[in-house]
C-alpha atoms as a PDB file:
ATOM      1  CA  MET A   1      32.940 -14.320  24.937  1.00  0.00           C
ATOM      2  CA  ASP A   2      32.222 -11.845  27.705  1.00  0.00           C
ATOM      3  CA  ILE A   3      28.794 -10.228  28.024  1.00  0.00           C
ATOM      4  CA  LEU A   4      29.875  -6.967  26.355  1.00  0.00           C
ATOM      5  CA  GLY A   5      31.425  -8.944  23.501  1.00  0.00           C
ATOM      6  CA  LEU A   6      27.941 -10.144  22.585  1.00  0.00           C
ATOM      7  CA  PHE A   7      27.078  -6.554  21.625  1.00  0.00           C
ATOM      8  CA  LYS A   8      30.322  -5.683  19.823  1.00  0.00           C
ATOM      9  CA  PRO A   9      29.956  -5.595  16.042  1.00  0.00           C
ATOM     10  CA  THR A  10      32.883  -6.621  13.874  1.00  0.00           C
ATOM     11  CA  MET A  11      32.449  -3.255  12.159  1.00  0.00           C
ATOM     12  CA  MET A  12      30.040  -0.343  11.898  1.00  0.00           C
ATOM     13  CA  VAL A  13      28.994   1.001   8.497  1.00  0.00           C
ATOM     14  CA  ASP A  14      26.686   3.971   7.874  1.00  0.00           C
ATOM     15  CA  GLN A  15      24.433   2.117   5.393  1.00  0.00           C
ATOM     16  CA  ILE A  16      24.891  -1.384   4.058  1.00  0.00           C
ATOM     17  CA  MET A  17      23.815  -0.534   0.509  1.00  0.00           C
ATOM     18  CA  GLN A  18      26.794   1.797   0.120  1.00  0.00           C
ATOM     19  CA  ILE A  19      29.040  -1.280   0.332  1.00  0.00           C
ATOM     20  CA  ASP A  20      30.105  -2.439  -3.091  1.00  0.00           C
ATOM     21  CA  ALA A  21      29.806  -6.187  -3.631  1.00  0.00           C
ATOM     22  CA  GLN A  22      33.523  -6.395  -4.435  1.00  0.00           C
ATOM     23  CA  GLU A  23      34.260  -5.259  -0.867  1.00  0.00           C
ATOM     24  CA  PHE A  24      32.470  -8.359   0.434  1.00  0.00           C
ATOM     25  CA  VAL A  25      34.364 -10.542  -2.040  1.00  0.00           C
ATOM     26  CA  ASN A  26      37.643  -9.009  -0.841  1.00  0.00           C
ATOM     27  CA  GLN A  27      36.677  -9.896   2.754  1.00  0.00           C
ATOM     28  CA  GLY A  28      35.851 -13.507   1.814  1.00  0.00           C
ATOM     29  CA  ILE A  29      32.119 -12.972   2.379  1.00  0.00           C
ATOM     30  CA  LYS A  30      29.833 -15.207   0.306  1.00  0.00           C
ATOM     31  CA  VAL A  31      26.594 -14.777   2.280  1.00  0.00           C
ATOM     32  CA  VAL A  32      25.077 -11.565   3.646  1.00  0.00           C
ATOM     33  CA  LEU A  33      22.477 -12.317   6.309  1.00  0.00           C
ATOM     34  CA  SER A  34      20.518  -9.110   6.741  1.00  0.00           C
ATOM     35  CA  ASP A  35      17.828  -7.742   8.949  1.00  0.00           C
ATOM     36  CA  LEU A  36      14.993  -6.136   6.992  1.00  0.00           C
ATOM     37  CA  ASP A  37      13.336  -3.279   8.896  1.00  0.00           C
ATOM     38  CA  ASN A  38      15.433  -0.126   9.093  1.00  0.00           C
ATOM     39  CA  THR A  39      18.412  -1.985   7.635  1.00  0.00           C
ATOM     40  CA  LEU A  40      17.300  -2.587   4.030  1.00  0.00           C
ATOM     41  CA  VAL A  41      13.899  -0.889   4.024  1.00  0.00           C
ATOM     42  CA  PRO A  42      12.246   1.746   6.234  1.00  0.00           C
ATOM     43  CA  TRP A  43      10.086   0.063   8.858  1.00  0.00           C
ATOM     44  CA  ASN A  44       7.248   2.575   8.550  1.00  0.00           C
ATOM     45  CA  LYS A  45       6.542   2.953   4.823  1.00  0.00           C
ATOM     46  CA  GLU A  46       4.013   1.109   2.664  1.00  0.00           C
ATOM     47  CA  ASP A  47       6.083   1.190  -0.512  1.00  0.00           C
ATOM     48  CA  ARG A  48       9.270  -0.113   1.020  1.00  0.00           C
ATOM     49  CA  GLN A  49      11.444  -1.256  -1.849  1.00  0.00           C
ATOM     50  CA  SER A  50      13.807   1.188  -3.441  1.00  0.00           C
ATOM     51  CA  ASP A  51      15.665   1.229  -6.727  1.00  0.00           C
ATOM     52  CA  GLN A  52      18.849   1.383  -4.647  1.00  0.00           C
ATOM     53  CA  LEU A  53      17.955  -1.893  -2.911  1.00  0.00           C
ATOM     54  CA  ILE A  54      17.140  -3.639  -6.207  1.00  0.00           C
ATOM     55  CA  THR A  55      20.396  -2.434  -7.780  1.00  0.00           C
ATOM     56  CA  TRP A  56      22.431  -3.461  -4.717  1.00  0.00           C
ATOM     57  CA  MET A  57      20.841  -6.915  -4.622  1.00  0.00           C
ATOM     58  CA  GLN A  58      21.629  -7.401  -8.314  1.00  0.00           C
ATOM     59  CA  GLN A  59      25.217  -6.326  -7.727  1.00  0.00           C
ATOM     60  CA  LEU A  60      25.567  -8.887  -4.915  1.00  0.00           C
ATOM     61  CA  GLN A  61      24.118 -11.599  -7.139  1.00  0.00           C
ATOM     62  CA  ASP A  62      26.461 -10.653 -10.008  1.00  0.00           C
ATOM     63  CA  HIS A  63      29.406 -11.165  -7.628  1.00  0.00           C
ATOM     64  CA  GLY A  64      28.128 -14.536  -6.412  1.00  0.00           C
ATOM     65  CA  ILE A  65      27.060 -13.255  -3.008  1.00  0.00           C
ATOM     66  CA  GLU A  66      23.841 -14.587  -1.555  1.00  0.00           C
ATOM     67  CA  LEU A  67      21.570 -12.174   0.319  1.00  0.00           C
ATOM     68  CA  VAL A  68      19.310 -13.752   2.932  1.00  0.00           C
ATOM     69  CA  ILE A  69      16.734 -11.788   4.928  1.00  0.00           C
ATOM     70  CA  VAL A  70      16.774 -12.740   8.617  1.00  0.00           C
ATOM     71  CA  SER A  71      13.738 -11.269  10.320  1.00  0.00           C
ATOM     72  CA  ASN A  72      11.748 -11.753  13.480  1.00  0.00           C
ATOM     73  CA  ASN A  73       8.654 -11.023  11.370  1.00  0.00           C
ATOM     74  CA  SER A  74       6.564 -13.622   9.579  1.00  0.00           C
ATOM     75  CA  ALA A  75       7.522 -14.721   6.073  1.00  0.00           C
ATOM     76  CA  GLU A  76       4.295 -13.150   4.774  1.00  0.00           C
ATOM     77  CA  ARG A  77       5.182  -9.754   6.214  1.00  0.00           C
ATOM     78  CA  VAL A  78       8.707  -9.896   4.776  1.00  0.00           C
ATOM     79  CA  GLN A  79       7.356 -10.953   1.378  1.00  0.00           C
ATOM     80  CA  ARG A  80       4.859  -8.043   1.431  1.00  0.00           C
ATOM     81  CA  ALA A  81       7.740  -5.637   2.071  1.00  0.00           C
ATOM     82  CA  LEU A  82       9.705  -7.142  -0.811  1.00  0.00           C
ATOM     83  CA  THR A  83       6.883  -7.790  -3.279  1.00  0.00           C
ATOM     84  CA  GLY A  84       8.134  -9.240  -6.527  1.00  0.00           C
ATOM     85  CA  ILE A  85      11.651  -9.950  -5.263  1.00  0.00           C
ATOM     86  CA  ASP A  86      12.792 -13.563  -5.217  1.00  0.00           C
ATOM     87  CA  ILE A  87      14.914 -13.852  -2.078  1.00  0.00           C
ATOM     88  CA  LYS A  88      15.628 -16.372   0.656  1.00  0.00           C
ATOM     89  CA  ILE A  89      14.035 -15.578   3.994  1.00  0.00           C
ATOM     90  CA  VAL A  90      14.672 -16.829   7.504  1.00  0.00           C
ATOM     91  CA  ALA A  91      11.430 -15.699   9.145  1.00  0.00           C
ATOM     92  CA  ARG A  92      10.482 -15.796  12.812  1.00  0.00           C
ATOM     93  CA  ALA A  93      14.221 -15.913  13.502  1.00  0.00           C
ATOM     94  CA  LEU A  94      13.784 -15.130  17.213  1.00  0.00           C
ATOM     95  CA  LYS A  95      16.828 -12.842  17.231  1.00  0.00           C
ATOM     96  CA  PRO A  96      18.874 -12.455  19.428  1.00  0.00           C
ATOM     97  CA  LEU A  97      18.752 -16.234  19.791  1.00  0.00           C
ATOM     98  CA  PRO A  98      21.195 -17.772  17.291  1.00  0.00           C
ATOM     99  CA  PHE A  99      19.370 -21.039  16.593  1.00  0.00           C
ATOM    100  CA  GLU A 100      17.669 -20.124  13.303  1.00  0.00           C
ATOM    101  CA  LEU A 101      20.868 -18.527  11.974  1.00  0.00           C
ATOM    102  CA  ARG A 102      22.915 -21.586  12.929  1.00  0.00           C
ATOM    103  CA  ASN A 103      20.313 -23.919  11.406  1.00  0.00           C
ATOM    104  CA  TYR A 104      20.302 -21.966   8.163  1.00  0.00           C
ATOM    105  CA  LEU A 105      24.101 -22.002   7.922  1.00  0.00           C
ATOM    106  CA  LYS A 106      24.239 -25.728   8.716  1.00  0.00           C
ATOM    107  CA  ASN A 107      21.406 -26.715   6.363  1.00  0.00           C
ATOM    108  CA  GLN A 108      22.855 -24.675   3.501  1.00  0.00           C
ATOM    109  CA  LYS A 109      26.395 -25.946   4.255  1.00  0.00           C
ATOM    110  CA  ILE A 110      27.696 -22.395   4.683  1.00  0.00           C
ATOM    111  CA  ASP A 111      30.975 -21.890   6.516  1.00  0.00           C
ATOM    112  CA  PRO A 112      30.272 -19.212   9.185  1.00  0.00           C
ATOM    113  CA  ALA A 113      33.627 -17.609   8.319  1.00  0.00           C
ATOM    114  CA  THR A 114      32.159 -16.674   4.910  1.00  0.00           C
ATOM    115  CA  ALA A 115      28.993 -15.075   6.303  1.00  0.00           C
ATOM    116  CA  VAL A 116      28.154 -11.719   7.835  1.00  0.00           C
ATOM    117  CA  MET A 117      25.068 -10.620   9.784  1.00  0.00           C
ATOM    118  CA  VAL A 118      23.968  -7.054   9.112  1.00  0.00           C
ATOM    119  CA  GLY A 119      21.497  -5.074  11.168  1.00  0.00           C
ATOM    120  CA  ASP A 120      20.601  -1.832  12.860  1.00  0.00           C
ATOM    121  CA  GLN A 121      20.171  -3.195  16.400  1.00  0.00           C
ATOM    122  CA  LEU A 122      22.866  -4.356  18.798  1.00  0.00           C
ATOM    123  CA  MET A 123      20.468  -6.275  21.008  1.00  0.00           C
ATOM    124  CA  THR A 124      18.937  -8.385  18.261  1.00  0.00           C
ATOM    125  CA  ASP A 125      20.940  -8.461  15.021  1.00  0.00           C
ATOM    126  CA  ILE A 126      24.493  -8.102  16.329  1.00  0.00           C
ATOM    127  CA  MET A 127      23.966 -10.349  19.324  1.00  0.00           C
ATOM    128  CA  ALA A 128      22.395 -13.062  17.142  1.00  0.00           C
ATOM    129  CA  GLY A 129      25.259 -12.876  14.645  1.00  0.00           C
ATOM    130  CA  ASN A 130      27.903 -13.009  17.361  1.00  0.00           C
ATOM    131  CA  LEU A 131      26.231 -15.975  19.037  1.00  0.00           C
ATOM    132  CA  ALA A 132      25.997 -17.736  15.657  1.00  0.00           C
ATOM    133  CA  GLY A 133      29.725 -17.223  15.085  1.00  0.00           C
ATOM    134  CA  VAL A 134      29.584 -14.940  12.029  1.00  0.00           C
ATOM    135  CA  LYS A 135      31.049 -11.510  11.409  1.00  0.00           C
ATOM    136  CA  THR A 136      28.663  -8.674  12.218  1.00  0.00           C
ATOM    137  CA  ILE A 137      28.023  -5.226  10.775  1.00  0.00           C
ATOM    138  CA  LEU A 138      26.000  -2.620  12.633  1.00  0.00           C
ATOM    139  CA  VAL A 139      24.367   0.010  10.425  1.00  0.00           C
ATOM    140  CA  HIS A 140      22.559   3.246  11.196  1.00  0.00           C
ATOM    141  CA  PRO A 141      18.758   2.859  10.992  1.00  0.00           C
ATOM    142  CA  LEU A 142      17.330   4.038   7.653  1.00  0.00           C
ATOM    143  CA  VAL A 143      14.751   6.262   9.369  1.00  0.00           C
ATOM    144  CA  PRO A 144      15.139   8.033  12.730  1.00  0.00           C
ATOM    145  CA  THR A 145      11.936   6.644  14.247  1.00  0.00           C
ATOM    146  CA  ASP A 146      11.294   3.178  15.626  1.00  0.00           C
ATOM    147  CA  SER A 147       8.355   0.991  16.488  1.00  0.00           C
ATOM    148  CA  LYS A 148       7.445   0.834  20.180  1.00  0.00           C
ATOM    149  CA  LYS A 149       9.156  -2.512  20.717  1.00  0.00           C
ATOM    150  CA  THR A 150      12.390  -1.234  19.165  1.00  0.00           C
ATOM    151  CA  ARG A 151      12.471   1.949  21.270  1.00  0.00           C
ATOM    152  CA  VAL A 152      13.177  -0.139  24.361  1.00  0.00           C
ATOM    153  CA  ASN A 153      16.203  -1.721  22.685  1.00  0.00           C
ATOM    154  CA  ARG A 154      17.495   1.675  21.572  1.00  0.00           C
ATOM    155  CA  PHE A 155      17.337   2.948  25.159  1.00  0.00           C
ATOM    156  CA  PHE A 156      19.703   0.165  26.277  1.00  0.00           C
ATOM    157  CA  GLU A 157      21.864   0.316  23.144  1.00  0.00           C
ATOM    158  CA  ARG A 158      23.017   3.905  23.661  1.00  0.00           C
ATOM    159  CA  PRO A 159      25.167   3.210  26.735  1.00  0.00           C
ATOM    160  CA  ILE A 160      26.465  -0.025  25.204  1.00  0.00           C
ATOM    161  CA  LEU A 161      27.616   1.889  22.107  1.00  0.00           C
ATOM    162  CA  LYS A 162      29.439   4.367  24.364  1.00  0.00           C
ATOM    163  CA  ILE A 163      31.127   1.556  26.276  1.00  0.00           C
ATOM    164  CA  ASN A 164      32.128  -0.081  22.979  1.00  0.00           C
ATOM    165  CA  SER A 165      33.699   3.193  21.813  1.00  0.00           C
ATOM    166  CA  TRP A 166      35.726   3.433  25.052  1.00  0.00           C
ATOM    167  CA  LEU A 167      36.818  -0.202  25.039  1.00  0.00           C
ATOM    168  CA  HIS A 168      37.413  -0.420  21.276  1.00  0.00           C
ATOM    169  CA  PRO A 169      38.585   2.992  19.999  1.00  0.00           C
ATOM    170  CA  ASN A 170      39.240   1.543  16.522  1.00  0.00           C
ATOM    171  CA  LEU A 171      35.559   0.580  16.199  1.00  0.00           C
ATOM    172  CA  LYS A 172      34.239   3.634  14.359  1.00  0.00           C
ATOM    173  CA  TRP A 173      31.501   4.376  11.836  1.00  0.00           C
ATOM    174  CA  ARG A 174      32.769   3.891   8.282  1.00  0.00           C
ATOM    175  CA  GLN A 175      31.606   4.376   4.733  1.00  0.00           C
ATOM    176  CA  HIS A 176      33.207   1.181   3.441  1.00  0.00           C
ATOM    177  CA  LEU A 177      34.534  -2.100   4.806  1.00  0.00           C
ATOM    178  CA  ASN A 178      38.161  -1.157   4.223  1.00  0.00           C
ATOM    179  CA  ASP A 179      38.071   2.382   5.667  1.00  0.00           C
END
């Protein structure tokens, strides 16, 4: 894989929770590995869970799809953001390094072809997923602001997104996986 390929998502979807679970089933996806901050919940709000997230998670579960949170944050911080939700967490994932993702897939006996990594950052989420050998979905951040550490990534992501659009004209923002 060339260097730019590390930052090329398999697809780009406006928001992951607008994807119906059946769309994942149709794509052969059994495991959704997802970033937390600004992908599933706003990074800057105290009360971070939403009814939409709870409903979406239940829909995934009803279709036999496992949702796993993959975060560079501590398990305690992720659990605080998702209080009362029983969910698997890969904490301190060290994204963009793929080691924790690969370990999780191997330990859980998950075929990488049946998994997808979802996130709002090319330089952490998408790169980690690509290096781990899973499909990747880039989403728009839930809120337009970022923490200081993320602002640096966004600065470098903008030109990479433009290059991706030139090199891969079919890679466009979608509403659904099959658009």
